[in-house]
Amino acid sequence: MAQFEPYLSFNGNCAEAMRFYEKTLGGKIEMSMTYGEAPPMPGQPAPSGDAAKRIMHASMTLEGDR
């Protein structure tokens, strides 16, 4: 089975982009974590406002990957 694991960066529109790829490629978003949901980083302030709502990590499978 071939694997493709890109790591993409978006300027605040990752959730929108992931929904687009899910629809366009026929995939399924398996996991999505915002900066606000991530474990706290020692010595760093917790993200707030729009920063906390941005996607930090997301995972999608495409048909045939399961």
N, C-alpha and C. Protein backbone atom coordinates (compact mmCIF):
# COMPACT_ATOMS: atom_id res chain seq x y z
N MET A 1 0.85 -1.17 0.00
CA MET A 1 0.00 0.00 0.00
C MET A 1 0.90 1.24 0.00
N ALA A 2 0.61 2.15 -0.90
CA ALA A 2 1.36 3.40 -0.98
C ALA A 2 0.89 4.36 0.11
N GLN A 3 1.82 5.10 0.67
CA GLN A 3 1.48 6.10 1.67
C GLN A 3 1.99 7.46 1.22
N PHE A 4 1.22 8.47 1.56
CA PHE A 4 1.56 9.85 1.24
C PHE A 4 1.21 10.65 2.48
N GLU A 5 2.20 11.21 3.14
CA GLU A 5 1.97 11.93 4.39
C GLU A 5 2.51 13.35 4.31
N PRO A 6 1.78 14.23 3.60
CA PRO A 6 2.24 15.61 3.51
C PRO A 6 1.99 16.36 4.81
N TYR A 7 2.78 17.37 5.06
CA TYR A 7 2.55 18.26 6.19
C TYR A 7 2.39 19.64 5.59
N LEU A 8 1.16 20.15 5.62
CA LEU A 8 0.83 21.42 4.99
C LEU A 8 0.64 22.50 6.03
N SER A 9 0.91 23.73 5.65
CA SER A 9 0.67 24.88 6.52
C SER A 9 -0.33 25.80 5.85
N PHE A 10 -1.23 26.34 6.65
CA PHE A 10 -2.25 27.26 6.14
C PHE A 10 -2.25 28.51 7.00
N ASN A 11 -2.70 29.59 6.44
CA ASN A 11 -2.73 30.86 7.16
C ASN A 11 -4.12 31.08 7.76
N GLY A 12 -4.50 30.20 8.67
CA GLY A 12 -5.77 30.35 9.36
C GLY A 12 -6.97 29.72 8.70
N ASN A 13 -6.79 29.07 7.55
CA ASN A 13 -7.94 28.46 6.87
C ASN A 13 -7.78 26.95 6.70
N CYS A 14 -7.09 26.31 7.62
CA CYS A 14 -6.85 24.87 7.52
C CYS A 14 -8.15 24.07 7.59
N ALA A 15 -9.05 24.42 8.50
CA ALA A 15 -10.31 23.67 8.62
C ALA A 15 -11.07 23.71 7.29
N GLU A 16 -11.12 24.88 6.67
CA GLU A 16 -11.79 25.03 5.38
C GLU A 16 -11.08 24.19 4.31
N ALA A 17 -9.76 24.23 4.30
CA ALA A 17 -8.99 23.47 3.31
C ALA A 17 -9.19 21.97 3.50
N MET A 18 -9.19 21.50 4.74
CA MET A 18 -9.37 20.07 5.00
C MET A 18 -10.75 19.61 4.53
N ARG A 19 -11.78 20.43 4.76
CA ARG A 19 -13.12 20.07 4.27
C ARG A 19 -13.14 20.01 2.74
N PHE A 20 -12.42 20.94 2.09
CA PHE A 20 -12.32 20.94 0.63
C PHE A 20 -11.65 19.65 0.14
N TYR A 21 -10.50 19.29 0.74
CA TYR A 21 -9.79 18.07 0.33
C TYR A 21 -10.63 16.83 0.62
N GLU A 22 -11.34 16.82 1.74
CA GLU A 22 -12.20 15.69 2.08
C GLU A 22 -13.25 15.49 0.97
N LYS A 23 -13.88 16.57 0.57
CA LYS A 23 -14.92 16.49 -0.47
C LYS A 23 -14.32 16.18 -1.84
N THR A 24 -13.27 16.89 -2.19
CA THR A 24 -12.68 16.75 -3.53
C THR A 24 -12.01 15.40 -3.75
N LEU A 25 -11.32 14.90 -2.73
CA LEU A 25 -10.58 13.65 -2.86
C LEU A 25 -11.37 12.44 -2.38
N GLY A 26 -12.55 12.68 -1.83
CA GLY A 26 -13.35 11.57 -1.33
C GLY A 26 -12.78 10.98 -0.06
N GLY A 27 -12.13 11.81 0.75
CA GLY A 27 -11.51 11.33 1.97
C GLY A 27 -12.42 11.45 3.17
N LYS A 28 -11.84 11.14 4.33
CA LYS A 28 -12.55 11.27 5.60
C LYS A 28 -11.58 11.85 6.62
N ILE A 29 -11.95 12.98 7.20
CA ILE A 29 -11.12 13.58 8.25
C ILE A 29 -11.24 12.69 9.48
N GLU A 30 -10.14 12.11 9.89
CA GLU A 30 -10.12 11.19 11.02
C GLU A 30 -9.85 11.90 12.34
N MET A 31 -9.06 12.98 12.29
CA MET A 31 -8.68 13.68 13.50
C MET A 31 -8.37 15.12 13.16
N SER A 32 -8.71 16.01 14.07
CA SER A 32 -8.39 17.42 13.93
C SER A 32 -8.20 17.99 15.33
N MET A 33 -7.09 18.69 15.55
CA MET A 33 -6.79 19.28 16.85
C MET A 33 -6.42 20.74 16.69
N THR A 34 -7.06 21.59 17.46
CA THR A 34 -6.73 23.01 17.43
C THR A 34 -5.58 23.31 18.39
N TYR A 35 -5.00 24.48 18.26
CA TYR A 35 -3.96 24.90 19.20
C TYR A 35 -4.52 24.96 20.61
N GLY A 36 -5.79 25.35 20.74
CA GLY A 36 -6.42 25.43 22.05
C GLY A 36 -6.65 24.07 22.70
N GLU A 37 -6.77 23.02 21.89
CA GLU A 37 -6.97 21.66 22.40
C GLU A 37 -5.67 20.94 22.71
N ALA A 38 -4.56 21.46 22.21
CA ALA A 38 -3.26 20.81 22.40
C ALA A 38 -2.80 20.92 23.86
N PRO A 39 -1.99 19.96 24.30
CA PRO A 39 -1.45 20.06 25.66
C PRO A 39 -0.64 21.34 25.81
N PRO A 40 -0.65 21.94 27.00
CA PRO A 40 0.09 23.19 27.19
C PRO A 40 1.60 22.97 27.06
N MET A 41 2.27 23.97 26.53
CA MET A 41 3.73 23.95 26.40
C MET A 41 4.32 24.62 27.63
N PRO A 42 5.23 23.96 28.33
CA PRO A 42 5.82 24.58 29.52
C PRO A 42 6.46 25.93 29.20
N GLY A 43 6.15 26.90 30.00
CA GLY A 43 6.74 28.23 29.83
C GLY A 43 6.11 29.07 28.75
N GLN A 44 5.08 28.56 28.09
CA GLN A 44 4.42 29.30 27.01
C GLN A 44 3.00 29.65 27.43
N PRO A 45 2.52 30.83 27.07
CA PRO A 45 1.13 31.15 27.39
C PRO A 45 0.18 30.30 26.55
N ALA A 46 -0.96 30.00 27.11
CA ALA A 46 -1.97 29.25 26.36
C ALA A 46 -2.50 30.11 25.22
N PRO A 47 -2.72 29.52 24.05
CA PRO A 47 -3.28 30.30 22.95
C PRO A 47 -4.68 30.78 23.29
N SER A 48 -5.05 31.92 22.78
CA SER A 48 -6.38 32.45 23.04
C SER A 48 -6.94 33.07 21.77
N GLY A 49 -8.22 33.38 21.81
CA GLY A 49 -8.87 34.03 20.67
C GLY A 49 -8.79 33.19 19.42
N ASP A 50 -8.53 33.85 18.28
CA ASP A 50 -8.47 33.15 16.99
C ASP A 50 -7.36 32.13 16.94
N ALA A 51 -6.24 32.39 17.60
CA ALA A 51 -5.11 31.45 17.59
C ALA A 51 -5.51 30.11 18.18
N ALA A 52 -6.32 30.11 19.22
CA ALA A 52 -6.75 28.87 19.86
C ALA A 52 -7.66 28.04 18.96
N LYS A 53 -8.33 28.69 18.00
CA LYS A 53 -9.27 28.00 17.11
C LYS A 53 -8.61 27.44 15.86
N ARG A 54 -7.36 27.83 15.61
CA ARG A 54 -6.67 27.36 14.40
C ARG A 54 -6.27 25.89 14.54
N ILE A 55 -6.30 25.18 13.41
CA ILE A 55 -5.95 23.77 13.40
C ILE A 55 -4.44 23.61 13.52
N MET A 56 -4.04 22.76 14.45
CA MET A 56 -2.62 22.46 14.64
C MET A 56 -2.24 21.18 13.89
N HIS A 57 -3.07 20.15 14.02
CA HIS A 57 -2.85 18.86 13.35
C HIS A 57 -4.18 18.34 12.85
N ALA A 58 -4.15 17.71 11.70
CA ALA A 58 -5.33 17.04 11.16
C ALA A 58 -4.88 15.82 10.38
N SER A 59 -5.74 14.82 10.35
CA SER A 59 -5.42 13.58 9.66
C SER A 59 -6.61 13.18 8.81
N MET A 60 -6.33 12.73 7.59
CA MET A 60 -7.37 12.32 6.67
C MET A 60 -6.98 11.01 6.01
N THR A 61 -7.94 10.12 5.85
CA THR A 61 -7.71 8.90 5.08
C THR A 61 -8.46 9.02 3.77
N LEU A 62 -7.91 8.41 2.75
CA LEU A 62 -8.57 8.36 1.46
C LEU A 62 -9.02 6.94 1.21
N GLU A 63 -10.04 6.78 0.40
CA GLU A 63 -10.56 5.44 0.12
C GLU A 63 -9.43 4.53 -0.31
N GLY A 64 -9.39 3.35 0.26
CA GLY A 64 -8.33 2.40 -0.05
C GLY A 64 -7.20 2.43 0.96
N ASP A 65 -7.21 3.42 1.87
CA ASP A 65 -6.17 3.53 2.90
C ASP A 65 -6.47 2.69 4.13
N ARG A 66 -7.67 2.16 4.24
CA ARG A 66 -8.07 1.50 5.49
C ARG A 66 -7.76 0.04 5.48
